[in-house]
């Protein structure tokens, strides 16, 4: 017969594991819809902390199992199953997070590769704050710009709106402001370098699809309107 102290330890262990399983389920649901990379990073830290909890639970389980001298016990078997499930869930969540971050890092690098070394130094910190949808938006806008799909008037309107809004940015944007004022650069070149700051100034809800699904004209009109209005 199990002692009251042993039964209480076992019950406490089962309760703690159950609570952490519920927490992991909440993390999984939240990550399914979250797009903000900073928020995702916070979830990742919380998930990684669960490894420490799992290690403690396994240690407690091993000590209890030793007291039973490996005698079969239905409650212990249930706890063992919970530990295995928690282990699997942690691996799934962390591997999924790694895939997300690797993909975003690849997208950031692909964006930076479109600039020369000096330009990359200027916008690198900015791109680190862009999430996946924002990175897609900027790539599409640069594609449109380089394909000469943006009129000179639209470029000038965008630059004027950006120059007005740059002082509101929470980062050191002196270099970006100087680019807009540089008389030696044409509007197209200025705009290409300053485009990565657009998502930091407005929340864009238009089409973000690649290729022909991206409505170039509508995107530029909406962005310019938002920059002027917000």
C-alpha atoms as a PDB file:
ATOM      1  CA  UNK A   1       0.000   0.000   0.000  1.00  0.00           C
ATOM      2  CA  UNK A   2       1.255   3.461  -0.902  1.00  0.00           C
ATOM      3  CA  UNK A   3       2.044   5.797   1.972  1.00  0.00           C
ATOM      4  CA  UNK A   4       0.074   9.061   2.241  1.00  0.00           C
ATOM      5  CA  UNK A   5       3.266  11.047   1.618  1.00  0.00           C
ATOM      6  CA  UNK A   6       4.074   9.047  -1.508  1.00  0.00           C
ATOM      7  CA  UNK A   7       0.507   9.376  -2.803  1.00  0.00           C
ATOM      8  CA  UNK A   8       0.586  13.134  -2.250  1.00  0.00           C
ATOM      9  CA  UNK A   9       3.891  13.505  -4.121  1.00  0.00           C
ATOM     10  CA  UNK A  10       2.538  11.474  -6.993  1.00  0.00           C
ATOM     11  CA  UNK A  11      -0.694  13.475  -7.076  1.00  0.00           C
ATOM     12  CA  UNK A  12       1.221  16.769  -7.022  1.00  0.00           C
ATOM     13  CA  UNK A  13       3.437  15.570  -9.872  1.00  0.00           C
ATOM     14  CA  UNK A  14       0.431  14.589 -11.982  1.00  0.00           C
ATOM     15  CA  UNK A  15      -1.238  17.938 -11.290  1.00  0.00           C
ATOM     16  CA  UNK A  16       1.849  19.940 -12.272  1.00  0.00           C
ATOM     17  CA  UNK A  17       2.323  17.993 -15.482  1.00  0.00           C
ATOM     18  CA  UNK A  18      -1.351  18.422 -16.401  1.00  0.00           C
ATOM     19  CA  UNK A  19      -1.117  22.189 -15.882  1.00  0.00           C
ATOM     20  CA  UNK A  20       1.978  22.410 -18.066  1.00  0.00           C
ATOM     21  CA  UNK A  21       0.302  20.337 -20.762  1.00  0.00           C
ATOM     22  CA  UNK A  22      -2.565  22.821 -20.794  1.00  0.00           C
ATOM     23  CA  UNK A  23      -0.056  25.671 -21.002  1.00  0.00           C
ATOM     24  CA  UNK A  24       1.687  24.064 -23.973  1.00  0.00           C
ATOM     25  CA  UNK A  25      -1.684  23.654 -25.658  1.00  0.00           C
ATOM     26  CA  UNK A  26      -2.322  27.382 -25.195  1.00  0.00           C
ATOM     27  CA  UNK A  27       1.119  28.185 -26.651  1.00  0.00           C
ATOM     28  CA  UNK A  28       0.361  25.988 -29.650  1.00  0.00           C
ATOM     29  CA  UNK A  29      -2.958  27.755 -30.284  1.00  0.00           C
ATOM     30  CA  UNK A  30      -1.404  31.191 -29.888  1.00  0.00           C
ATOM     31  CA  UNK A  31       1.493  30.432 -32.233  1.00  0.00           C
ATOM     32  CA  UNK A  32      -0.887  29.203 -34.897  1.00  0.00           C
ATOM     33  CA  UNK A  33      -2.213  32.744 -35.425  1.00  0.00           C
ATOM     34  CA  UNK A  34       0.633  34.956 -34.190  1.00  0.00           C
ATOM     35  CA  UNK A  35       2.677  36.870 -36.812  1.00  0.00           C
ATOM     36  CA  UNK A  36       4.663  39.288 -34.660  1.00  0.00           C
ATOM     37  CA  UNK A  37       8.247  37.947 -34.442  1.00  0.00           C
ATOM     38  CA  UNK A  38       8.814  39.558 -31.053  1.00  0.00           C
ATOM     39  CA  UNK A  39       5.769  37.884 -29.573  1.00  0.00           C
ATOM     40  CA  UNK A  40       6.847  34.582 -31.118  1.00  0.00           C
ATOM     41  CA  UNK A  41      10.276  34.992 -29.557  1.00  0.00           C
ATOM     42  CA  UNK A  42       8.587  35.421 -26.179  1.00  0.00           C
ATOM     43  CA  UNK A  43       6.623  32.224 -26.693  1.00  0.00           C
ATOM     44  CA  UNK A  44       9.798  30.412 -27.659  1.00  0.00           C
ATOM     45  CA  UNK A  45      11.463  31.457 -24.399  1.00  0.00           C
ATOM     46  CA  UNK A  46       8.467  30.247 -22.436  1.00  0.00           C
ATOM     47  CA  UNK A  47       8.451  26.932 -24.292  1.00  0.00           C
ATOM     48  CA  UNK A  48      12.170  26.462 -23.664  1.00  0.00           C
ATOM     49  CA  UNK A  49      11.565  27.007 -19.941  1.00  0.00           C
ATOM     50  CA  UNK A  50       9.235  24.037 -20.040  1.00  0.00           C
ATOM     51  CA  UNK A  51      12.270  21.840 -20.701  1.00  0.00           C
ATOM     52  CA  UNK A  52      13.504  22.708 -17.208  1.00  0.00           C
ATOM     53  CA  UNK A  53      10.125  21.784 -15.757  1.00  0.00           C
ATOM     54  CA  UNK A  54      10.094  18.520 -17.693  1.00  0.00           C
ATOM     55  CA  UNK A  55      13.560  17.652 -16.365  1.00  0.00           C
ATOM     56  CA  UNK A  56      12.365  18.228 -12.784  1.00  0.00           C
ATOM     57  CA  UNK A  57       9.265  16.132 -13.367  1.00  0.00           C
ATOM     58  CA  UNK A  58      11.343  13.289 -14.775  1.00  0.00           C
ATOM     59  CA  UNK A  59      13.647  13.443 -11.760  1.00  0.00           C
ATOM     60  CA  UNK A  60      10.699  13.356  -9.374  1.00  0.00           C
ATOM     61  CA  UNK A  61       9.195  10.451 -11.299  1.00  0.00           C
ATOM     62  CA  UNK A  62      12.491   8.523 -11.165  1.00  0.00           C
ATOM     63  CA  UNK A  63      12.700   9.003  -7.389  1.00  0.00           C
ATOM     64  CA  UNK A  64       9.124   7.805  -6.914  1.00  0.00           C
ATOM     65  CA  UNK A  65       9.714   4.859  -9.194  1.00  0.00           C
ATOM     66  CA  UNK A  66      12.781   3.932  -7.168  1.00  0.00           C
ATOM     67  CA  UNK A  67      10.717   3.895  -3.990  1.00  0.00           C
ATOM     68  CA  UNK A  68       8.294   1.496  -5.660  1.00  0.00           C
ATOM     69  CA  UNK A  69      11.230  -0.716  -6.645  1.00  0.00           C
ATOM     70  CA  UNK A  70       9.848  -0.756 -10.207  1.00  0.00           C
ATOM     71  CA  UNK A  71       6.585  -2.300  -9.006  1.00  0.00           C
ATOM     72  CA  UNK A  72       3.812  -1.720 -11.611  1.00  0.00           C
ATOM     73  CA  UNK A  73       1.370   1.001 -10.609  1.00  0.00           C
ATOM     74  CA  UNK A  74      -1.487   2.392 -12.708  1.00  0.00           C
ATOM     75  CA  UNK A  75      -1.040   5.958 -11.433  1.00  0.00           C
ATOM     76  CA  UNK A  76       2.691   5.865 -12.157  1.00  0.00           C
ATOM     77  CA  UNK A  77       2.040   4.550 -15.641  1.00  0.00           C
ATOM     78  CA  UNK A  78      -0.333   7.448 -16.270  1.00  0.00           C
ATOM     79  CA  UNK A  79       2.303   9.951 -15.135  1.00  0.00           C
ATOM     80  CA  UNK A  80       4.913   8.278 -17.328  1.00  0.00           C
ATOM     81  CA  UNK A  81       2.583   8.618 -20.301  1.00  0.00           C
ATOM     82  CA  UNK A  82       2.050  12.319 -19.490  1.00  0.00           C
ATOM     83  CA  UNK A  83       5.804  12.881 -19.402  1.00  0.00           C
ATOM     84  CA  UNK A  84       6.214  11.238 -22.789  1.00  0.00           C
ATOM     85  CA  UNK A  85       3.428  13.344 -24.273  1.00  0.00           C
ATOM     86  CA  UNK A  86       4.959  16.523 -22.847  1.00  0.00           C
ATOM     87  CA  UNK A  87       8.354  15.582 -24.272  1.00  0.00           C
ATOM     88  CA  UNK A  88       6.889  15.040 -27.742  1.00  0.00           C
ATOM     89  CA  UNK A  89       4.884  18.288 -27.623  1.00  0.00           C
ATOM     90  CA  UNK A  90       7.923  20.331 -26.638  1.00  0.00           C
ATOM     91  CA  UNK A  91       9.925  18.906 -29.525  1.00  0.00           C
ATOM     92  CA  UNK A  92       7.132  19.662 -31.975  1.00  0.00           C
ATOM     93  CA  UNK A  93       6.683  23.237 -30.798  1.00  0.00           C
ATOM     94  CA  UNK A  94      10.374  24.072 -30.694  1.00  0.00           C
ATOM     95  CA  UNK A  95      11.095  22.492 -34.062  1.00  0.00           C
ATOM     96  CA  UNK A  96       8.172  24.398 -35.528  1.00  0.00           C
ATOM     97  CA  UNK A  97       9.467  27.639 -34.060  1.00  0.00           C
ATOM     98  CA  UNK A  98      12.940  27.024 -35.418  1.00  0.00           C
ATOM     99  CA  UNK A  99      11.480  26.500 -38.891  1.00  0.00           C
ATOM    100  CA  UNK A 100       9.569  29.779 -38.614  1.00  0.00           C
ATOM    101  CA  UNK A 101      12.641  31.742 -37.560  1.00  0.00           C
ATOM    102  CA  UNK A 102      14.860  30.134 -40.177  1.00  0.00           C
ATOM    103  CA  UNK A 103      12.338  31.055 -42.863  1.00  0.00           C
ATOM    104  CA  UNK A 104      12.125  34.663 -41.692  1.00  0.00           C
ATOM    105  CA  UNK A 105      15.901  34.926 -41.459  1.00  0.00           C
ATOM    106  CA  UNK A 106      16.197  33.647 -45.025  1.00  0.00           C
ATOM    107  CA  UNK A 107      13.623  36.206 -46.166  1.00  0.00           C
ATOM    108  CA  UNK A 108      15.489  39.017 -44.395  1.00  0.00           C
ATOM    109  CA  UNK A 109      18.754  37.953 -45.974  1.00  0.00           C
ATOM    110  CA  UNK A 110      17.128  37.772 -49.408  1.00  0.00           C
ATOM    111  CA  UNK A 111      15.882  41.331 -48.922  1.00  0.00           C
ATOM    112  CA  UNK A 112      19.273  42.603 -47.760  1.00  0.00           C
ATOM    113  CA  UNK A 113      20.953  40.968 -50.746  1.00  0.00           C
ATOM    114  CA  UNK A 114      19.148  43.457 -52.963  1.00  0.00           C
ATOM    115  CA  UNK A 115      21.227  46.291 -51.494  1.00  0.00           C
ATOM    116  CA  UNK A 116      24.922  47.165 -51.515  1.00  0.00           C
ATOM    117  CA  UNK A 117      27.052  46.957 -48.365  1.00  0.00           C
ATOM    118  CA  UNK A 118      26.519  50.574 -47.283  1.00  0.00           C
ATOM    119  CA  UNK A 119      22.756  50.351 -47.802  1.00  0.00           C
ATOM    120  CA  UNK A 120      22.575  47.050 -45.912  1.00  0.00           C
ATOM    121  CA  UNK A 121      24.287  48.686 -42.940  1.00  0.00           C
ATOM    122  CA  UNK A 122      21.564  51.349 -42.927  1.00  0.00           C
ATOM    123  CA  UNK A 123      18.522  49.077 -43.146  1.00  0.00           C
ATOM    124  CA  UNK A 124      19.743  45.897 -41.424  1.00  0.00           C
ATOM    125  CA  UNK A 125      18.387  46.869 -37.994  1.00  0.00           C
ATOM    126  CA  UNK A 126      15.081  47.869 -39.573  1.00  0.00           C
ATOM    127  CA  UNK A 127      14.598  44.533 -41.347  1.00  0.00           C
ATOM    128  CA  UNK A 128      15.077  42.691 -38.051  1.00  0.00           C
ATOM    129  CA  UNK A 129      11.796  44.193 -36.877  1.00  0.00           C
ATOM    130  CA  UNK A 130       9.776  43.078 -39.903  1.00  0.00           C
ATOM    131  CA  UNK A 131       7.584  39.993 -39.716  1.00  0.00           C
ATOM    132  CA  UNK A 132       6.968  37.561 -42.552  1.00  0.00           C
ATOM    133  CA  UNK A 133       4.016  39.411 -44.088  1.00  0.00           C
ATOM    134  CA  UNK A 134       5.885  42.725 -43.969  1.00  0.00           C
ATOM    135  CA  UNK A 135       8.945  41.185 -45.618  1.00  0.00           C
ATOM    136  CA  UNK A 136       6.734  39.879 -48.424  1.00  0.00           C
ATOM    137  CA  UNK A 137       5.199  43.328 -48.855  1.00  0.00           C
ATOM    138  CA  UNK A 138       8.580  45.046 -49.149  1.00  0.00           C
ATOM    139  CA  UNK A 139       9.864  42.484 -51.644  1.00  0.00           C
ATOM    140  CA  UNK A 140       6.771  43.059 -53.782  1.00  0.00           C
ATOM    141  CA  UNK A 141       7.135  46.831 -53.612  1.00  0.00           C
ATOM    142  CA  UNK A 142      10.791  46.661 -54.616  1.00  0.00           C
ATOM    143  CA  UNK A 143       9.884  44.334 -57.491  1.00  0.00           C
ATOM    144  CA  UNK A 144       7.349  46.897 -58.696  1.00  0.00           C
ATOM    145  CA  UNK A 145       9.831  49.713 -58.287  1.00  0.00           C
ATOM    146  CA  UNK A 146      12.612  47.938 -60.182  1.00  0.00           C
ATOM    147  CA  UNK A 147      10.179  46.929 -62.938  1.00  0.00           C
ATOM    148  CA  UNK A 148       9.358  50.636 -63.445  1.00  0.00           C
ATOM    149  CA  UNK A 149       5.718  50.096 -62.523  1.00  0.00           C
ATOM    150  CA  UNK A 150       5.704  53.106 -60.206  1.00  0.00           C
ATOM    151  CA  UNK A 151       5.286  56.577 -61.669  1.00  0.00           C
ATOM    152  CA  UNK A 152       7.607  59.432 -60.805  1.00  0.00           C
ATOM    153  CA  UNK A 153       4.691  61.231 -59.190  1.00  0.00           C
ATOM    154  CA  UNK A 154       3.915  58.250 -56.942  1.00  0.00           C
ATOM    155  CA  UNK A 155       7.574  57.981 -55.944  1.00  0.00           C
ATOM    156  CA  UNK A 156       7.718  61.671 -55.040  1.00  0.00           C
ATOM    157  CA  UNK A 157       4.485  61.443 -53.049  1.00  0.00           C
ATOM    158  CA  UNK A 158       5.792  58.425 -51.146  1.00  0.00           C
ATOM    159  CA  UNK A 159       9.139  60.078 -50.373  1.00  0.00           C
ATOM    160  CA  UNK A 160       7.424  63.247 -49.171  1.00  0.00           C
ATOM    161  CA  UNK A 161       5.140  61.243 -46.893  1.00  0.00           C
ATOM    162  CA  UNK A 162       8.044  59.169 -45.537  1.00  0.00           C
ATOM    163  CA  UNK A 163      10.174  62.231 -44.845  1.00  0.00           C
ATOM    164  CA  UNK A 164       7.349  63.752 -42.828  1.00  0.00           C
ATOM    165  CA  UNK A 165       6.815  60.560 -40.793  1.00  0.00           C
ATOM    166  CA  UNK A 166      10.431  59.493 -40.184  1.00  0.00           C
ATOM    167  CA  UNK A 167      10.816  61.588 -36.985  1.00  0.00           C
ATOM    168  CA  UNK A 168       8.071  59.462 -35.391  1.00  0.00           C
ATOM    169  CA  UNK A 169      10.095  56.259 -35.722  1.00  0.00           C
ATOM    170  CA  UNK A 170      11.313  54.682 -32.457  1.00  0.00           C
ATOM    171  CA  UNK A 171      14.790  54.066 -33.899  1.00  0.00           C
ATOM    172  CA  UNK A 172      17.708  56.178 -35.053  1.00  0.00           C
ATOM    173  CA  UNK A 173      16.536  57.155 -38.532  1.00  0.00           C
ATOM    174  CA  UNK A 174      18.976  59.981 -39.254  1.00  0.00           C
ATOM    175  CA  UNK A 175      20.655  58.001 -42.019  1.00  0.00           C
ATOM    176  CA  UNK A 176      17.314  57.271 -43.692  1.00  0.00           C
ATOM    177  CA  UNK A 177      16.302  60.934 -43.506  1.00  0.00           C
ATOM    178  CA  UNK A 178      19.616  61.964 -45.062  1.00  0.00           C
ATOM    179  CA  UNK A 179      19.060  59.580 -47.967  1.00  0.00           C
ATOM    180  CA  UNK A 180      15.744  61.238 -48.835  1.00  0.00           C
ATOM    181  CA  UNK A 181      17.430  64.662 -48.830  1.00  0.00           C
ATOM    182  CA  UNK A 182      20.494  63.528 -50.812  1.00  0.00           C
ATOM    183  CA  UNK A 183      20.472  65.549 -54.086  1.00  0.00           C
ATOM    184  CA  UNK A 184      22.771  63.043 -55.816  1.00  0.00           C
ATOM    185  CA  UNK A 185      20.287  60.166 -55.596  1.00  0.00           C
ATOM    186  CA  UNK A 186      17.272  59.872 -57.869  1.00  0.00           C
ATOM    187  CA  UNK A 187      13.783  59.213 -56.495  1.00  0.00           C
ATOM    188  CA  UNK A 188      13.857  55.535 -57.420  1.00  0.00           C
ATOM    189  CA  UNK A 189      17.092  54.875 -55.547  1.00  0.00           C
ATOM    190  CA  UNK A 190      15.952  56.866 -52.511  1.00  0.00           C
ATOM    191  CA  UNK A 191      12.681  55.005 -52.367  1.00  0.00           C
ATOM    192  CA  UNK A 192      14.258  51.588 -52.634  1.00  0.00           C
ATOM    193  CA  UNK A 193      16.441  52.263 -49.584  1.00  0.00           C
ATOM    194  CA  UNK A 194      13.633  53.787 -47.524  1.00  0.00           C
ATOM    195  CA  UNK A 195      10.897  51.234 -48.341  1.00  0.00           C
ATOM    196  CA  UNK A 196      11.746  48.897 -45.408  1.00  0.00           C
ATOM    197  CA  UNK A 197      10.558  51.541 -42.938  1.00  0.00           C
ATOM    198  CA  UNK A 198       7.046  51.629 -44.446  1.00  0.00           C
ATOM    199  CA  UNK A 199       5.621  48.753 -42.330  1.00  0.00           C
ATOM    200  CA  UNK A 200       6.901  50.489 -39.197  1.00  0.00           C
ATOM    201  CA  UNK A 201       4.785  53.523 -40.021  1.00  0.00           C
ATOM    202  CA  UNK A 202       1.553  51.920 -41.214  1.00  0.00           C
ATOM    203  CA  UNK A 203      -0.379  48.690 -40.836  1.00  0.00           C
ATOM    204  CA  UNK A 204      -1.095  47.502 -44.336  1.00  0.00           C
ATOM    205  CA  UNK A 205      -4.021  45.133 -44.906  1.00  0.00           C
ATOM    206  CA  UNK A 206      -3.958  44.863 -48.699  1.00  0.00           C
ATOM    207  CA  UNK A 207      -2.991  41.934 -50.890  1.00  0.00           C
ATOM    208  CA  UNK A 208       0.360  40.361 -50.049  1.00  0.00           C
ATOM    209  CA  UNK A 209       0.408  37.575 -52.625  1.00  0.00           C
ATOM    210  CA  UNK A 210       3.390  37.012 -54.878  1.00  0.00           C
ATOM    211  CA  UNK A 211       3.274  37.554 -58.615  1.00  0.00           C
ATOM    212  CA  UNK A 212       0.209  38.792 -60.442  1.00  0.00           C
ATOM    213  CA  UNK A 213      -1.955  38.519 -57.322  1.00  0.00           C
ATOM    214  CA  UNK A 214      -0.259  41.592 -55.875  1.00  0.00           C
ATOM    215  CA  UNK A 215      -2.206  44.711 -56.794  1.00  0.00           C
ATOM    216  CA  UNK A 216       0.619  47.185 -57.372  1.00  0.00           C
ATOM    217  CA  UNK A 217      -1.425  50.284 -58.072  1.00  0.00           C
ATOM    218  CA  UNK A 218      -3.792  49.734 -55.146  1.00  0.00           C
ATOM    219  CA  UNK A 219      -0.936  48.950 -52.763  1.00  0.00           C
ATOM    220  CA  UNK A 220       0.922  52.160 -53.513  1.00  0.00           C
ATOM    221  CA  UNK A 221      -2.220  54.275 -53.339  1.00  0.00           C
ATOM    222  CA  UNK A 222      -3.218  52.783 -49.991  1.00  0.00           C
ATOM    223  CA  UNK A 223       0.250  53.141 -48.492  1.00  0.00           C
ATOM    224  CA  UNK A 224       0.636  56.756 -49.563  1.00  0.00           C
ATOM    225  CA  UNK A 225      -2.845  57.563 -48.238  1.00  0.00           C
ATOM    226  CA  UNK A 226      -2.076  55.914 -44.897  1.00  0.00           C
ATOM    227  CA  UNK A 227       1.273  57.680 -44.556  1.00  0.00           C
ATOM    228  CA  UNK A 228      -0.377  61.035 -45.140  1.00  0.00           C
ATOM    229  CA  UNK A 229      -3.309  60.339 -42.865  1.00  0.00           C
ATOM    230  CA  UNK A 230      -1.846  58.505 -39.842  1.00  0.00           C
END
